Amino acid sequence: MKKLIKVLEEISKLPSIDKKLVLQLNTFQLEVLSKISKKKTISTKDLLKSASTYSQAQKYRYLKELVERKLCEKKHNLFTSVE
């Protein structure tokens, strides 16, 4: 619960446009961004191994949406963070 409170406090510090963006992301997309920020580069295969209940096709669509929103970059089979 303490970690959730910390996350909510950080979200409240964001400008409204960034808050809106964060709140539009689903759990899979947040998990992907977290993994990318930790590892810097991660393969699509590893991202699709997520335990989320979304189908593989839906996961691909959510990954594509992250790239379109410029929250990460895709080069061949690898996702990286935007610098």
N, C-alpha and C. Protein backbone atom coordinates (compact mmCIF):
# COMPACT_ATOMS: atom_id res chain seq x y z
N MET A 1 0.82 -1.19 0.00
CA MET A 1 0.00 0.00 0.00
C MET A 1 0.87 1.26 0.00
N LYS A 2 2.00 1.21 0.70
CA LYS A 2 2.89 2.37 0.75
C LYS A 2 3.43 2.71 -0.64
N LYS A 3 3.74 1.68 -1.42
CA LYS A 3 4.27 1.91 -2.77
C LYS A 3 3.21 2.54 -3.66
N LEU A 4 1.97 2.11 -3.49
CA LEU A 4 0.87 2.69 -4.26
C LEU A 4 0.71 4.17 -3.93
N ILE A 5 0.82 4.50 -2.68
CA ILE A 5 0.70 5.90 -2.26
C ILE A 5 1.83 6.73 -2.88
N LYS A 6 3.04 6.18 -2.91
CA LYS A 6 4.17 6.88 -3.53
C LYS A 6 3.91 7.11 -5.02
N VAL A 7 3.38 6.11 -5.69
CA VAL A 7 3.08 6.24 -7.12
C VAL A 7 2.03 7.32 -7.33
N LEU A 8 0.99 7.31 -6.53
CA LEU A 8 -0.06 8.31 -6.66
C LEU A 8 0.46 9.72 -6.38
N GLU A 9 1.35 9.85 -5.43
CA GLU A 9 1.96 11.16 -5.15
C GLU A 9 2.77 11.65 -6.34
N GLU A 10 3.51 10.76 -6.96
CA GLU A 10 4.32 11.13 -8.14
C GLU A 10 3.41 11.52 -9.31
N ILE A 11 2.33 10.78 -9.48
CA ILE A 11 1.38 11.12 -10.55
C ILE A 11 0.78 12.50 -10.32
N SER A 12 0.49 12.81 -9.08
CA SER A 12 -0.12 14.11 -8.78
C SER A 12 0.83 15.27 -9.06
N LYS A 13 2.13 15.02 -9.08
CA LYS A 13 3.12 16.07 -9.37
C LYS A 13 3.25 16.36 -10.86
N LEU A 14 2.73 15.47 -11.69
CA LEU A 14 2.86 15.63 -13.15
C LEU A 14 1.96 16.75 -13.67
N PRO A 15 2.39 17.37 -14.79
CA PRO A 15 1.49 18.32 -15.45
C PRO A 15 0.25 17.58 -15.96
N SER A 16 -0.86 18.29 -16.14
CA SER A 16 -2.11 17.61 -16.50
C SER A 16 -2.05 16.81 -17.79
N ILE A 17 -1.28 17.27 -18.77
CA ILE A 17 -1.20 16.51 -20.03
C ILE A 17 -0.52 15.16 -19.79
N ASP A 18 0.49 15.13 -18.94
CA ASP A 18 1.17 13.86 -18.63
C ASP A 18 0.29 12.97 -17.76
N LYS A 19 -0.48 13.56 -16.85
CA LYS A 19 -1.40 12.77 -16.04
C LYS A 19 -2.41 12.07 -16.93
N LYS A 20 -2.93 12.79 -17.89
CA LYS A 20 -3.92 12.23 -18.79
C LYS A 20 -3.32 11.04 -19.55
N LEU A 21 -2.10 11.19 -20.01
CA LEU A 21 -1.42 10.12 -20.74
C LEU A 21 -1.23 8.89 -19.86
N VAL A 22 -0.76 9.08 -18.65
CA VAL A 22 -0.51 7.97 -17.73
C VAL A 22 -1.82 7.24 -17.41
N LEU A 23 -2.87 7.99 -17.20
CA LEU A 23 -4.14 7.37 -16.83
C LEU A 23 -4.81 6.66 -18.00
N GLN A 24 -4.38 6.93 -19.23
CA GLN A 24 -4.93 6.24 -20.39
C GLN A 24 -4.25 4.91 -20.65
N LEU A 25 -3.12 4.68 -20.03
CA LEU A 25 -2.38 3.43 -20.24
C LEU A 25 -3.01 2.30 -19.44
N ASN A 26 -2.97 1.09 -19.99
CA ASN A 26 -3.47 -0.06 -19.24
C ASN A 26 -2.33 -0.74 -18.50
N THR A 27 -2.66 -1.76 -17.74
CA THR A 27 -1.65 -2.41 -16.90
C THR A 27 -0.53 -3.05 -17.71
N PHE A 28 -0.86 -3.64 -18.86
CA PHE A 28 0.18 -4.24 -19.70
C PHE A 28 1.15 -3.18 -20.19
N GLN A 29 0.64 -2.04 -20.64
CA GLN A 29 1.49 -0.97 -21.14
C GLN A 29 2.37 -0.41 -20.03
N LEU A 30 1.83 -0.27 -18.84
CA LEU A 30 2.65 0.21 -17.71
C LEU A 30 3.75 -0.80 -17.38
N GLU A 31 3.41 -2.07 -17.44
CA GLU A 31 4.40 -3.13 -17.19
C GLU A 31 5.51 -3.08 -18.24
N VAL A 32 5.15 -2.88 -19.50
CA VAL A 32 6.12 -2.79 -20.59
C VAL A 32 7.06 -1.61 -20.36
N LEU A 33 6.50 -0.45 -20.06
CA LEU A 33 7.33 0.74 -19.83
C LEU A 33 8.27 0.54 -18.64
N SER A 34 7.78 -0.14 -17.63
CA SER A 34 8.62 -0.43 -16.47
C SER A 34 9.79 -1.34 -16.85
N LYS A 35 9.50 -2.38 -17.62
CA LYS A 35 10.56 -3.31 -18.05
C LYS A 35 11.58 -2.61 -18.94
N ILE A 36 11.09 -1.76 -19.84
CA ILE A 36 12.00 -1.04 -20.73
C ILE A 36 12.88 -0.09 -19.94
N SER A 37 12.33 0.57 -18.96
CA SER A 37 13.13 1.52 -18.17
C SER A 37 14.19 0.81 -17.35
N LYS A 38 13.93 -0.43 -16.93
CA LYS A 38 14.91 -1.19 -16.15
C LYS A 38 16.00 -1.77 -17.03
N LYS A 39 15.61 -2.36 -18.17
CA LYS A 39 16.58 -3.07 -19.01
C LYS A 39 17.11 -2.27 -20.18
N LYS A 40 16.51 -1.13 -20.48
CA LYS A 40 16.89 -0.26 -21.60
C LYS A 40 16.53 -0.84 -22.96
N THR A 41 16.78 -2.12 -23.19
CA THR A 41 16.42 -2.78 -24.43
C THR A 41 15.86 -4.15 -24.09
N ILE A 42 14.71 -4.46 -24.67
CA ILE A 42 14.07 -5.75 -24.38
C ILE A 42 13.38 -6.26 -25.64
N SER A 43 13.41 -7.55 -25.82
CA SER A 43 12.83 -8.15 -27.03
C SER A 43 11.31 -8.23 -26.93
N THR A 44 10.68 -8.27 -28.08
CA THR A 44 9.23 -8.42 -28.14
C THR A 44 8.81 -9.72 -27.47
N LYS A 45 9.57 -10.75 -27.70
CA LYS A 45 9.27 -12.07 -27.12
C LYS A 45 9.18 -11.99 -25.60
N ASP A 46 10.13 -11.30 -24.97
CA ASP A 46 10.12 -11.17 -23.51
C ASP A 46 8.93 -10.34 -23.03
N LEU A 47 8.56 -9.33 -23.80
CA LEU A 47 7.42 -8.49 -23.41
C LEU A 47 6.11 -9.26 -23.52
N LEU A 48 6.01 -10.14 -24.49
CA LEU A 48 4.78 -10.90 -24.69
C LEU A 48 4.60 -12.01 -23.66
N LYS A 49 5.64 -12.32 -22.89
CA LYS A 49 5.56 -13.34 -21.84
C LYS A 49 4.82 -12.84 -20.60
N SER A 50 4.32 -11.64 -20.64
CA SER A 50 3.62 -11.04 -19.50
C SER A 50 2.48 -11.94 -19.02
N ALA A 51 2.23 -11.94 -17.74
CA ALA A 51 1.18 -12.76 -17.16
C ALA A 51 -0.20 -12.11 -17.27
N SER A 52 -0.30 -11.01 -17.97
CA SER A 52 -1.59 -10.33 -18.09
C SER A 52 -2.58 -11.20 -18.87
N THR A 53 -3.84 -10.91 -18.72
CA THR A 53 -4.89 -11.73 -19.32
C THR A 53 -5.20 -11.35 -20.76
N TYR A 54 -4.52 -10.37 -21.30
CA TYR A 54 -4.76 -9.96 -22.68
C TYR A 54 -4.25 -11.02 -23.65
N SER A 55 -4.92 -11.12 -24.80
CA SER A 55 -4.48 -12.05 -25.84
C SER A 55 -3.18 -11.54 -26.46
N GLN A 56 -2.50 -12.41 -27.17
CA GLN A 56 -1.25 -12.02 -27.80
C GLN A 56 -1.49 -10.92 -28.83
N ALA A 57 -2.57 -11.02 -29.58
CA ALA A 57 -2.90 -9.99 -30.57
C ALA A 57 -3.13 -8.63 -29.90
N GLN A 58 -3.82 -8.64 -28.77
CA GLN A 58 -4.07 -7.39 -28.06
C GLN A 58 -2.77 -6.81 -27.52
N LYS A 59 -1.88 -7.66 -27.06
CA LYS A 59 -0.59 -7.19 -26.57
C LYS A 59 0.19 -6.50 -27.68
N TYR A 60 0.17 -7.10 -28.89
CA TYR A 60 0.84 -6.47 -30.03
C TYR A 60 0.24 -5.09 -30.31
N ARG A 61 -1.09 -4.99 -30.23
CA ARG A 61 -1.74 -3.70 -30.48
C ARG A 61 -1.33 -2.67 -29.43
N TYR A 62 -1.24 -3.10 -28.19
CA TYR A 62 -0.84 -2.19 -27.11
C TYR A 62 0.63 -1.76 -27.27
N LEU A 63 1.48 -2.66 -27.73
CA LEU A 63 2.87 -2.30 -28.00
C LEU A 63 2.95 -1.29 -29.13
N LYS A 64 2.17 -1.51 -30.18
CA LYS A 64 2.13 -0.59 -31.30
C LYS A 64 1.66 0.80 -30.84
N GLU A 65 0.68 0.82 -29.95
CA GLU A 65 0.16 2.08 -29.43
C GLU A 65 1.23 2.85 -28.65
N LEU A 66 2.05 2.14 -27.89
CA LEU A 66 3.14 2.79 -27.15
C LEU A 66 4.14 3.45 -28.11
N VAL A 67 4.43 2.76 -29.21
CA VAL A 67 5.36 3.31 -30.20
C VAL A 67 4.73 4.53 -30.87
N GLU A 68 3.44 4.44 -31.21
CA GLU A 68 2.75 5.56 -31.86
C GLU A 68 2.68 6.79 -30.95
N ARG A 69 2.57 6.56 -29.65
CA ARG A 69 2.54 7.67 -28.68
C ARG A 69 3.94 8.18 -28.36
N LYS A 70 4.94 7.54 -28.96
CA LYS A 70 6.35 7.90 -28.78
C LYS A 70 6.81 7.74 -27.33
N LEU A 71 6.28 6.71 -26.66
CA LEU A 71 6.71 6.40 -25.31
C LEU A 71 7.86 5.39 -25.31
N CYS A 72 8.03 4.72 -26.44
CA CYS A 72 9.17 3.82 -26.63
C CYS A 72 9.41 3.71 -28.13
N GLU A 73 10.53 3.10 -28.47
CA GLU A 73 10.89 2.92 -29.88
C GLU A 73 11.06 1.44 -30.17
N LYS A 74 10.73 1.08 -31.41
CA LYS A 74 10.90 -0.31 -31.82
C LYS A 74 11.87 -0.35 -32.99
N LYS A 75 12.90 -1.17 -32.86
CA LYS A 75 13.85 -1.39 -33.94
C LYS A 75 13.97 -2.90 -34.11
N HIS A 76 13.49 -3.36 -35.25
CA HIS A 76 13.43 -4.78 -35.55
C HIS A 76 12.60 -5.50 -34.49
N ASN A 77 13.22 -6.30 -33.66
CA ASN A 77 12.51 -7.08 -32.66
C ASN A 77 12.75 -6.55 -31.25
N LEU A 78 13.33 -5.36 -31.13
CA LEU A 78 13.69 -4.82 -29.82
C LEU A 78 12.97 -3.53 -29.51
N PHE A 79 12.56 -3.38 -28.27
CA PHE A 79 11.96 -2.13 -27.80
C PHE A 79 12.96 -1.43 -26.90
N THR A 80 13.07 -0.12 -27.08
CA THR A 80 13.98 0.68 -26.26
C THR A 80 13.23 1.90 -25.75
N SER A 81 13.79 2.52 -24.74
CA SER A 81 13.19 3.73 -24.21
C SER A 81 13.50 4.91 -25.12
N VAL A 82 12.64 5.89 -25.08
CA VAL A 82 12.84 7.11 -25.86
C VAL A 82 13.76 8.02 -25.06
N GLU A 83 14.75 8.56 -25.72
CA GLU A 83 15.72 9.40 -24.99
C GLU A 83 15.45 10.85 -25.17
